[in-house]
Amino acid sequence: MRFLICLALLAASSSPALAASCSERIAFVQRVIDGDVKTGFADKKVHDAMSKDLAEAGQACRTGDDAKAQALVSSTQRRHGYPVR
């Protein structure tokens, strides 16, 4: 039984999306899109739209609604073609 619990904890910690708090994940995605717009990989309009969505996710995160914040980040990533982990 202990082995299964350890295995489950290891699996959860190895998944960045599951292991990261909403604030960490929002900051990570924001850094990615900031870099993408600087290098020309993403259009400024895409960056602005994603930043707006991430700000909404940040508000949910600050109010303690981690599930909503995580869902907003995931939907933003999917909508704009970024892989969701």
PDB file of N, CA and C in Angstrom:
ATOM      1  N   MET A   1       0.813  -1.180   0.000  1.00  0.00           N
ATOM      2  CA  MET A   1       0.000   0.000   0.000  1.00  0.00           C
ATOM      3  C   MET A   1       0.867   1.258   0.000  1.00  0.00           C
ATOM      4  N   ARG A   2       1.904   1.269   0.816  1.00  0.00           N
ATOM      5  CA  ARG A   2       2.812   2.423   0.846  1.00  0.00           C
ATOM      6  C   ARG A   2       3.443   2.638  -0.518  1.00  0.00           C
ATOM      7  N   PHE A   3       3.759   1.541  -1.176  1.00  0.00           N
ATOM      8  CA  PHE A   3       4.361   1.628  -2.498  1.00  0.00           C
ATOM      9  C   PHE A   3       3.427   2.343  -3.468  1.00  0.00           C
ATOM     10  N   LEU A   4       2.139   2.031  -3.437  1.00  0.00           N
ATOM     11  CA  LEU A   4       1.174   2.664  -4.333  1.00  0.00           C
ATOM     12  C   LEU A   4       1.015   4.152  -4.032  1.00  0.00           C
ATOM     13  N   ILE A   5       1.034   4.495  -2.760  1.00  0.00           N
ATOM     14  CA  ILE A   5       0.942   5.901  -2.383  1.00  0.00           C
ATOM     15  C   ILE A   5       2.173   6.657  -2.875  1.00  0.00           C
ATOM     16  N   CYS A   6       3.340   6.089  -2.683  1.00  0.00           N
ATOM     17  CA  CYS A   6       4.579   6.713  -3.160  1.00  0.00           C
ATOM     18  C   CYS A   6       4.566   6.857  -4.677  1.00  0.00           C
ATOM     19  N   LEU A   7       4.096   5.840  -5.360  1.00  0.00           N
ATOM     20  CA  LEU A   7       4.019   5.868  -6.816  1.00  0.00           C
ATOM     21  C   LEU A   7       3.064   6.972  -7.277  1.00  0.00           C
ATOM     22  N   ALA A   8       1.932   7.114  -6.621  1.00  0.00           N
ATOM     23  CA  ALA A   8       0.959   8.159  -6.973  1.00  0.00           C
ATOM     24  C   ALA A   8       1.544   9.547  -6.733  1.00  0.00           C
ATOM     25  N   LEU A   9       2.247   9.733  -5.622  1.00  0.00           N
ATOM     26  CA  LEU A   9       2.874  11.018  -5.342  1.00  0.00           C
ATOM     27  C   LEU A   9       3.971  11.333  -6.352  1.00  0.00           C
ATOM     28  N   LEU A  10       4.719  10.352  -6.744  1.00  0.00           N
ATOM     29  CA  LEU A  10       5.762  10.549  -7.739  1.00  0.00           C
ATOM     30  C   LEU A  10       5.161  10.940  -9.079  1.00  0.00           C
ATOM     31  N   ALA A  11       4.097  10.280  -9.474  1.00  0.00           N
ATOM     32  CA  ALA A  11       3.433  10.594 -10.748  1.00  0.00           C
ATOM     33  C   ALA A  11       2.878  12.017 -10.723  1.00  0.00           C
ATOM     34  N   ALA A  12       2.280  12.409  -9.628  1.00  0.00           N
ATOM     35  CA  ALA A  12       1.713  13.760  -9.525  1.00  0.00           C
ATOM     36  C   ALA A  12       2.800  14.821  -9.554  1.00  0.00           C
ATOM     37  N   SER A  13       3.912  14.555  -8.913  1.00  0.00           N
ATOM     38  CA  SER A  13       4.979  15.554  -8.877  1.00  0.00           C
ATOM     39  C   SER A  13       5.742  15.638 -10.186  1.00  0.00           C
ATOM     40  N   SER A  14       5.656  14.624 -11.029  1.00  0.00           N
ATOM     41  CA  SER A  14       6.380  14.652 -12.290  1.00  0.00           C
ATOM     42  C   SER A  14       5.608  15.381 -13.377  1.00  0.00           C
ATOM     43  N   SER A  15       4.360  15.684 -13.152  1.00  0.00           N
ATOM     44  CA  SER A  15       3.550  16.415 -14.116  1.00  0.00           C
ATOM     45  C   SER A  15       3.582  17.897 -13.766  1.00  0.00           C
ATOM     46  N   PRO A  16       4.212  18.740 -14.615  1.00  0.00           N
ATOM     47  CA  PRO A  16       4.328  20.154 -14.282  1.00  0.00           C
ATOM     48  C   PRO A  16       2.987  20.846 -14.077  1.00  0.00           C
ATOM     49  N   ALA A  17       1.983  20.501 -14.889  1.00  0.00           N
ATOM     50  CA  ALA A  17       0.686  21.160 -14.761  1.00  0.00           C
ATOM     51  C   ALA A  17       0.020  20.816 -13.434  1.00  0.00           C
ATOM     52  N   LEU A  18       0.198  19.602 -12.980  1.00  0.00           N
ATOM     53  CA  LEU A  18      -0.423  19.204 -11.728  1.00  0.00           C
ATOM     54  C   LEU A  18       0.376  19.682 -10.523  1.00  0.00           C
ATOM     55  N   ALA A  19       1.683  19.745 -10.670  1.00  0.00           N
ATOM     56  CA  ALA A  19       2.532  20.083  -9.539  1.00  0.00           C
ATOM     57  C   ALA A  19       2.627  21.594  -9.313  1.00  0.00           C
ATOM     58  N   ALA A  20       2.471  22.382 -10.368  1.00  0.00           N
ATOM     59  CA  ALA A  20       2.646  23.822 -10.247  1.00  0.00           C
ATOM     60  C   ALA A  20       1.390  24.475  -9.681  1.00  0.00           C
ATOM     61  N   SER A  21       1.618  25.439  -8.811  1.00  0.00           N
ATOM     62  CA  SER A  21       0.483  26.215  -8.322  1.00  0.00           C
ATOM     63  C   SER A  21      -0.029  27.071  -9.478  1.00  0.00           C
ATOM     64  N   CYS A  22      -1.225  27.592  -9.340  1.00  0.00           N
ATOM     65  CA  CYS A  22      -1.776  28.394 -10.428  1.00  0.00           C
ATOM     66  C   CYS A  22      -0.901  29.615 -10.696  1.00  0.00           C
ATOM     67  N   SER A  23      -0.380  30.249  -9.672  1.00  0.00           N
ATOM     68  CA  SER A  23       0.453  31.439  -9.889  1.00  0.00           C
ATOM     69  C   SER A  23       1.754  31.090 -10.609  1.00  0.00           C
ATOM     70  N   GLU A  24       2.345  29.945 -10.265  1.00  0.00           N
ATOM     71  CA  GLU A  24       3.576  29.513 -10.946  1.00  0.00           C
ATOM     72  C   GLU A  24       3.301  29.210 -12.414  1.00  0.00           C
ATOM     73  N   ARG A  25       2.185  28.541 -12.660  1.00  0.00           N
ATOM     74  CA  ARG A  25       1.850  28.173 -14.040  1.00  0.00           C
ATOM     75  C   ARG A  25       1.534  29.408 -14.888  1.00  0.00           C
ATOM     76  N   ILE A  26       0.792  30.350 -14.325  1.00  0.00           N
ATOM     77  CA  ILE A  26       0.466  31.577 -15.053  1.00  0.00           C
ATOM     78  C   ILE A  26       1.744  32.335 -15.386  1.00  0.00           C
ATOM     79  N   ALA A  27       2.643  32.450 -14.418  1.00  0.00           N
ATOM     80  CA  ALA A  27       3.914  33.145 -14.647  1.00  0.00           C
ATOM     81  C   ALA A  27       4.739  32.440 -15.713  1.00  0.00           C
ATOM     82  N   PHE A  28       4.755  31.114 -15.700  1.00  0.00           N
ATOM     83  CA  PHE A  28       5.508  30.352 -16.690  1.00  0.00           C
ATOM     84  C   PHE A  28       4.962  30.601 -18.098  1.00  0.00           C
ATOM     85  N   VAL A  29       3.644  30.485 -18.254  1.00  0.00           N
ATOM     86  CA  VAL A  29       3.037  30.684 -19.576  1.00  0.00           C
ATOM     87  C   VAL A  29       3.256  32.125 -20.039  1.00  0.00           C
ATOM     88  N   GLN A  30       3.150  33.078 -19.133  1.00  0.00           N
ATOM     89  CA  GLN A  30       3.390  34.478 -19.501  1.00  0.00           C
ATOM     90  C   GLN A  30       4.817  34.671 -19.994  1.00  0.00           C
ATOM     91  N   ARG A  31       5.793  34.049 -19.314  1.00  0.00           N
ATOM     92  CA  ARG A  31       7.193  34.147 -19.761  1.00  0.00           C
ATOM     93  C   ARG A  31       7.365  33.551 -21.151  1.00  0.00           C
ATOM     94  N   VAL A  32       6.705  32.427 -21.403  1.00  0.00           N
ATOM     95  CA  VAL A  32       6.803  31.775 -22.707  1.00  0.00           C
ATOM     96  C   VAL A  32       6.264  32.689 -23.800  1.00  0.00           C
ATOM     97  N   ILE A  33       5.078  33.238 -23.591  1.00  0.00           N
ATOM     98  CA  ILE A  33       4.502  34.073 -24.648  1.00  0.00           C
ATOM     99  C   ILE A  33       5.246  35.403 -24.792  1.00  0.00           C
ATOM    100  N   ASP A  34       5.798  35.920 -23.695  1.00  0.00           N
ATOM    101  CA  ASP A  34       6.625  37.133 -23.788  1.00  0.00           C
ATOM    102  C   ASP A  34       7.833  36.870 -24.676  1.00  0.00           C
ATOM    103  N   GLY A  35       8.460  35.727 -24.468  1.00  0.00           N
ATOM    104  CA  GLY A  35       9.609  35.355 -25.298  1.00  0.00           C
ATOM    105  C   GLY A  35       9.215  35.106 -26.742  1.00  0.00           C
ATOM    106  N   ASP A  36       8.063  34.488 -26.934  1.00  0.00           N
ATOM    107  CA  ASP A  36       7.608  34.194 -28.293  1.00  0.00           C
ATOM    108  C   ASP A  36       7.312  35.451 -29.089  1.00  0.00           C
ATOM    109  N   VAL A  37       6.738  36.448 -28.462  1.00  0.00           N
ATOM    110  CA  VAL A  37       6.461  37.693 -29.192  1.00  0.00           C
ATOM    111  C   VAL A  37       7.762  38.445 -29.475  1.00  0.00           C
ATOM    112  N   LYS A  38       8.726  38.370 -28.576  1.00  0.00           N
ATOM    113  CA  LYS A  38      10.019  39.034 -28.800  1.00  0.00           C
ATOM    114  C   LYS A  38      10.786  38.419 -29.961  1.00  0.00           C
ATOM    115  N   THR A  39      10.686  37.097 -30.098  1.00  0.00           N
ATOM    116  CA  THR A  39      11.411  36.415 -31.178  1.00  0.00           C
ATOM    117  C   THR A  39      10.621  36.343 -32.475  1.00  0.00           C
ATOM    118  N   GLY A  40       9.375  36.809 -32.449  1.00  0.00           N
ATOM    119  CA  GLY A  40       8.557  36.782 -33.649  1.00  0.00           C
ATOM    120  C   GLY A  40       7.790  35.487 -33.849  1.00  0.00           C
ATOM    121  N   PHE A  41       7.869  34.583 -32.889  1.00  0.00           N
ATOM    122  CA  PHE A  41       7.149  33.315 -33.000  1.00  0.00           C
ATOM    123  C   PHE A  41       5.649  33.522 -32.851  1.00  0.00           C
ATOM    124  N   ALA A  42       5.259  34.499 -32.038  1.00  0.00           N
ATOM    125  CA  ALA A  42       3.839  34.796 -31.826  1.00  0.00           C
ATOM    126  C   ALA A  42       3.569  36.239 -32.237  1.00  0.00           C
ATOM    127  N   ASP A  43       2.395  36.465 -32.779  1.00  0.00           N
ATOM    128  CA  ASP A  43       1.953  37.798 -33.167  1.00  0.00           C
ATOM    129  C   ASP A  43       1.590  38.604 -31.915  1.00  0.00           C
ATOM    130  N   LYS A  44       1.757  39.908 -31.977  1.00  0.00           N
ATOM    131  CA  LYS A  44       1.441  40.784 -30.848  1.00  0.00           C
ATOM    132  C   LYS A  44      -0.030  40.656 -30.451  1.00  0.00           C
ATOM    133  N   LYS A  45      -0.934  40.476 -31.418  1.00  0.00           N
ATOM    134  CA  LYS A  45      -2.361  40.325 -31.097  1.00  0.00           C
ATOM    135  C   LYS A  45      -2.617  39.048 -30.296  1.00  0.00           C
ATOM    136  N   VAL A  46      -1.919  37.980 -30.653  1.00  0.00           N
ATOM    137  CA  VAL A  46      -2.045  36.719 -29.907  1.00  0.00           C
ATOM    138  C   VAL A  46      -1.513  36.915 -28.493  1.00  0.00           C
ATOM    139  N   HIS A  47      -0.369  37.558 -28.384  1.00  0.00           N
ATOM    140  CA  HIS A  47       0.231  37.834 -27.075  1.00  0.00           C
ATOM    141  C   HIS A  47      -0.731  38.630 -26.206  1.00  0.00           C
ATOM    142  N   ASP A  48      -1.315  39.685 -26.779  1.00  0.00           N
ATOM    143  CA  ASP A  48      -2.224  40.531 -26.013  1.00  0.00           C
ATOM    144  C   ASP A  48      -3.470  39.760 -25.565  1.00  0.00           C
ATOM    145  N   ALA A  49      -4.021  38.938 -26.458  1.00  0.00           N
ATOM    146  CA  ALA A  49      -5.208  38.144 -26.110  1.00  0.00           C
ATOM    147  C   ALA A  49      -4.888  37.140 -25.016  1.00  0.00           C
ATOM    148  N   MET A  50      -3.732  36.472 -25.145  1.00  0.00           N
ATOM    149  CA  MET A  50      -3.345  35.495 -24.129  1.00  0.00           C
ATOM    150  C   MET A  50      -3.051  36.183 -22.795  1.00  0.00           C
ATOM    151  N   SER A  51      -2.401  37.330 -22.843  1.00  0.00           N
ATOM    152  CA  SER A  51      -2.097  38.063 -21.604  1.00  0.00           C
ATOM    153  C   SER A  51      -3.383  38.467 -20.888  1.00  0.00           C
ATOM    154  N   LYS A  52      -4.388  38.881 -21.666  1.00  0.00           N
ATOM    155  CA  LYS A  52      -5.682  39.244 -21.072  1.00  0.00           C
ATOM    156  C   LYS A  52      -6.310  38.029 -20.388  1.00  0.00           C
ATOM    157  N   ASP A  53      -6.282  36.877 -21.071  1.00  0.00           N
ATOM    158  CA  ASP A  53      -6.824  35.648 -20.486  1.00  0.00           C
ATOM    159  C   ASP A  53      -6.045  35.233 -19.244  1.00  0.00           C
ATOM    160  N   LEU A  54      -4.723  35.387 -19.291  1.00  0.00           N
ATOM    161  CA  LEU A  54      -3.899  35.024 -18.138  1.00  0.00           C
ATOM    162  C   LEU A  54      -4.153  35.963 -16.956  1.00  0.00           C
ATOM    163  N   ALA A  55      -4.465  37.212 -17.246  1.00  0.00           N
ATOM    164  CA  ALA A  55      -4.811  38.144 -16.167  1.00  0.00           C
ATOM    165  C   ALA A  55      -6.101  37.701 -15.486  1.00  0.00           C
ATOM    166  N   GLU A  56      -7.055  37.212 -16.273  1.00  0.00           N
ATOM    167  CA  GLU A  56      -8.298  36.687 -15.695  1.00  0.00           C
ATOM    168  C   GLU A  56      -8.002  35.452 -14.833  1.00  0.00           C
ATOM    169  N   ALA A  57      -7.115  34.595 -15.334  1.00  0.00           N
ATOM    170  CA  ALA A  57      -6.720  33.413 -14.555  1.00  0.00           C
ATOM    171  C   ALA A  57      -6.019  33.841 -13.271  1.00  0.00           C
ATOM    172  N   GLY A  58      -5.219  34.889 -13.353  1.00  0.00           N
ATOM    173  CA  GLY A  58      -4.530  35.411 -12.173  1.00  0.00           C
ATOM    174  C   GLY A  58      -5.503  35.905 -11.121  1.00  0.00           C
ATOM    175  N   GLN A  59      -6.568  36.525 -11.571  1.00  0.00           N
ATOM    176  CA  GLN A  59      -7.595  36.997 -10.626  1.00  0.00           C
ATOM    177  C   GLN A  59      -8.237  35.811  -9.917  1.00  0.00           C
ATOM    178  N   ALA A  60      -8.570  34.774 -10.677  1.00  0.00           N
ATOM    179  CA  ALA A  60      -9.153  33.570 -10.065  1.00  0.00           C
ATOM    180  C   ALA A  60      -8.173  32.943  -9.076  1.00  0.00           C
ATOM    181  N   CYS A  61      -6.909  32.934  -9.446  1.00  0.00           N
ATOM    182  CA  CYS A  61      -5.878  32.360  -8.577  1.00  0.00           C
ATOM    183  C   CYS A  61      -5.763  33.148  -7.271  1.00  0.00           C
ATOM    184  N   ARG A  62      -5.768  34.455  -7.375  1.00  0.00           N
ATOM    185  CA  ARG A  62      -5.649  35.302  -6.175  1.00  0.00           C
ATOM    186  C   ARG A  62      -6.834  35.139  -5.230  1.00  0.00           C
ATOM    187  N   THR A  63      -8.004  34.802  -5.772  1.00  0.00           N
ATOM    188  CA  THR A  63      -9.171  34.600  -4.911  1.00  0.00           C
ATOM    189  C   THR A  63      -9.236  33.181  -4.357  1.00  0.00           C
ATOM    190  N   GLY A  64      -8.239  32.362  -4.720  1.00  0.00           N
ATOM    191  CA  GLY A  64      -8.175  31.006  -4.177  1.00  0.00           C
ATOM    192  C   GLY A  64      -8.854  29.949  -5.023  1.00  0.00           C
ATOM    193  N   ASP A  65      -9.314  30.310  -6.210  1.00  0.00           N
ATOM    194  CA  ASP A  65      -9.988  29.346  -7.086  1.00  0.00           C
ATOM    195  C   ASP A  65      -8.973  28.728  -8.051  1.00  0.00           C
ATOM    196  N   ASP A  66      -8.138  27.853  -7.518  1.00  0.00           N
ATOM    197  CA  ASP A  66      -7.074  27.232  -8.293  1.00  0.00           C
ATOM    198  C   ASP A  66      -7.619  26.448  -9.487  1.00  0.00           C
ATOM    199  N   ALA A  67      -8.701  25.725  -9.296  1.00  0.00           N
ATOM    200  CA  ALA A  67      -9.254  24.910 -10.387  1.00  0.00           C
ATOM    201  C   ALA A  67      -9.687  25.785 -11.557  1.00  0.00           C
ATOM    202  N   LYS A  68     -10.348  26.892 -11.268  1.00  0.00           N
ATOM    203  CA  LYS A  68     -10.786  27.798 -12.335  1.00  0.00           C
ATOM    204  C   LYS A  68      -9.575  28.414 -13.029  1.00  0.00           C
ATOM    205  N   ALA A  69      -8.592  28.829 -12.255  1.00  0.00           N
ATOM    206  CA  ALA A  69      -7.384  29.431 -12.830  1.00  0.00           C
ATOM    207  C   ALA A  69      -6.671  28.441 -13.745  1.00  0.00           C
ATOM    208  N   GLN A  70      -6.508  27.206 -13.277  1.00  0.00           N
ATOM    209  CA  GLN A  70      -5.839  26.182 -14.086  1.00  0.00           C
ATOM    210  C   GLN A  70      -6.625  25.918 -15.372  1.00  0.00           C
ATOM    211  N   ALA A  71      -7.957  25.868 -15.270  1.00  0.00           N
ATOM    212  CA  ALA A  71      -8.794  25.631 -16.447  1.00  0.00           C
ATOM    213  C   ALA A  71      -8.677  26.778 -17.437  1.00  0.00           C
ATOM    214  N   LEU A  72      -8.627  28.007 -16.944  1.00  0.00           N
ATOM    215  CA  LEU A  72      -8.483  29.160 -17.827  1.00  0.00           C
ATOM    216  C   LEU A  72      -7.139  29.145 -18.555  1.00  0.00           C
ATOM    217  N   VAL A  73      -6.086  28.781 -17.854  1.00  0.00           N
ATOM    218  CA  VAL A  73      -4.771  28.697 -18.490  1.00  0.00           C
ATOM    219  C   VAL A  73      -4.775  27.615 -19.571  1.00  0.00           C
ATOM    220  N   SER A  74      -5.320  26.460 -19.243  1.00  0.00           N
ATOM    221  CA  SER A  74      -5.370  25.367 -20.218  1.00  0.00           C
ATOM    222  C   SER A  74      -6.174  25.754 -21.455  1.00  0.00           C
ATOM    223  N   SER A  75      -7.327  26.375 -21.256  1.00  0.00           N
ATOM    224  CA  SER A  75      -8.153  26.737 -22.412  1.00  0.00           C
ATOM    225  C   SER A  75      -7.469  27.815 -23.255  1.00  0.00           C
ATOM    226  N   THR A  76      -6.764  28.726 -22.620  1.00  0.00           N
ATOM    227  CA  THR A  76      -6.020  29.753 -23.351  1.00  0.00           C
ATOM    228  C   THR A  76      -4.917  29.118 -24.185  1.00  0.00           C
ATOM    229  N   GLN A  77      -4.198  28.184 -23.587  1.00  0.00           N
ATOM    230  CA  GLN A  77      -3.128  27.510 -24.319  1.00  0.00           C
ATOM    231  C   GLN A  77      -3.697  26.748 -25.520  1.00  0.00           C
ATOM    232  N   ARG A  78      -4.757  26.002 -25.323  1.00  0.00           N
ATOM    233  CA  ARG A  78      -5.361  25.239 -26.417  1.00  0.00           C
ATOM    234  C   ARG A  78      -5.850  26.161 -27.531  1.00  0.00           C
ATOM    235  N   ARG A  79      -6.538  27.219 -27.149  1.00  0.00           N
ATOM    236  CA  ARG A  79      -7.138  28.128 -28.122  1.00  0.00           C
ATOM    237  C   ARG A  79      -6.080  28.767 -29.025  1.00  0.00           C
ATOM    238  N   HIS A  80      -4.900  28.976 -28.481  1.00  0.00           N
ATOM    239  CA  HIS A  80      -3.858  29.654 -29.248  1.00  0.00           C
ATOM    240  C   HIS A  80      -2.742  28.717 -29.731  1.00  0.00           C
ATOM    241  N   GLY A  81      -2.968  27.425 -29.616  1.00  0.00           N
ATOM    242  CA  GLY A  81      -2.039  26.448 -30.178  1.00  0.00           C
ATOM    243  C   GLY A  81      -0.811  26.137 -29.354  1.00  0.00           C
ATOM    244  N   TYR A  82      -0.858  26.399 -28.072  1.00  0.00           N
ATOM    245  CA  TYR A  82       0.255  26.060 -27.187  1.00  0.00           C
ATOM    246  C   TYR A  82      -0.047  24.715 -26.515  1.00  0.00           C
ATOM    247  N   PRO A  83       0.947  23.848 -26.406  1.00  0.00           N
ATOM    248  CA  PRO A  83       0.696  22.546 -25.775  1.00  0.00           C
ATOM    249  C   PRO A  83       0.353  22.697 -24.294  1.00  0.00           C
ATOM    250  N   VAL A  84      -0.571  21.879 -23.854  1.00  0.00           N
ATOM    251  CA  VAL A  84      -0.991  21.869 -22.449  1.00  0.00           C
ATOM    252  C   VAL A  84      -0.360  20.655 -21.800  1.00  0.00           C
ATOM    253  N   ARG A  85       0.369  20.903 -20.688  1.00  0.00           N
ATOM    254  CA  ARG A  85       1.001  19.787 -19.977  1.00  0.00           C
ATOM    255  C   ARG A  85       0.239  19.501 -18.724  1.00  0.00           C
TER     256      ARG A  85
END
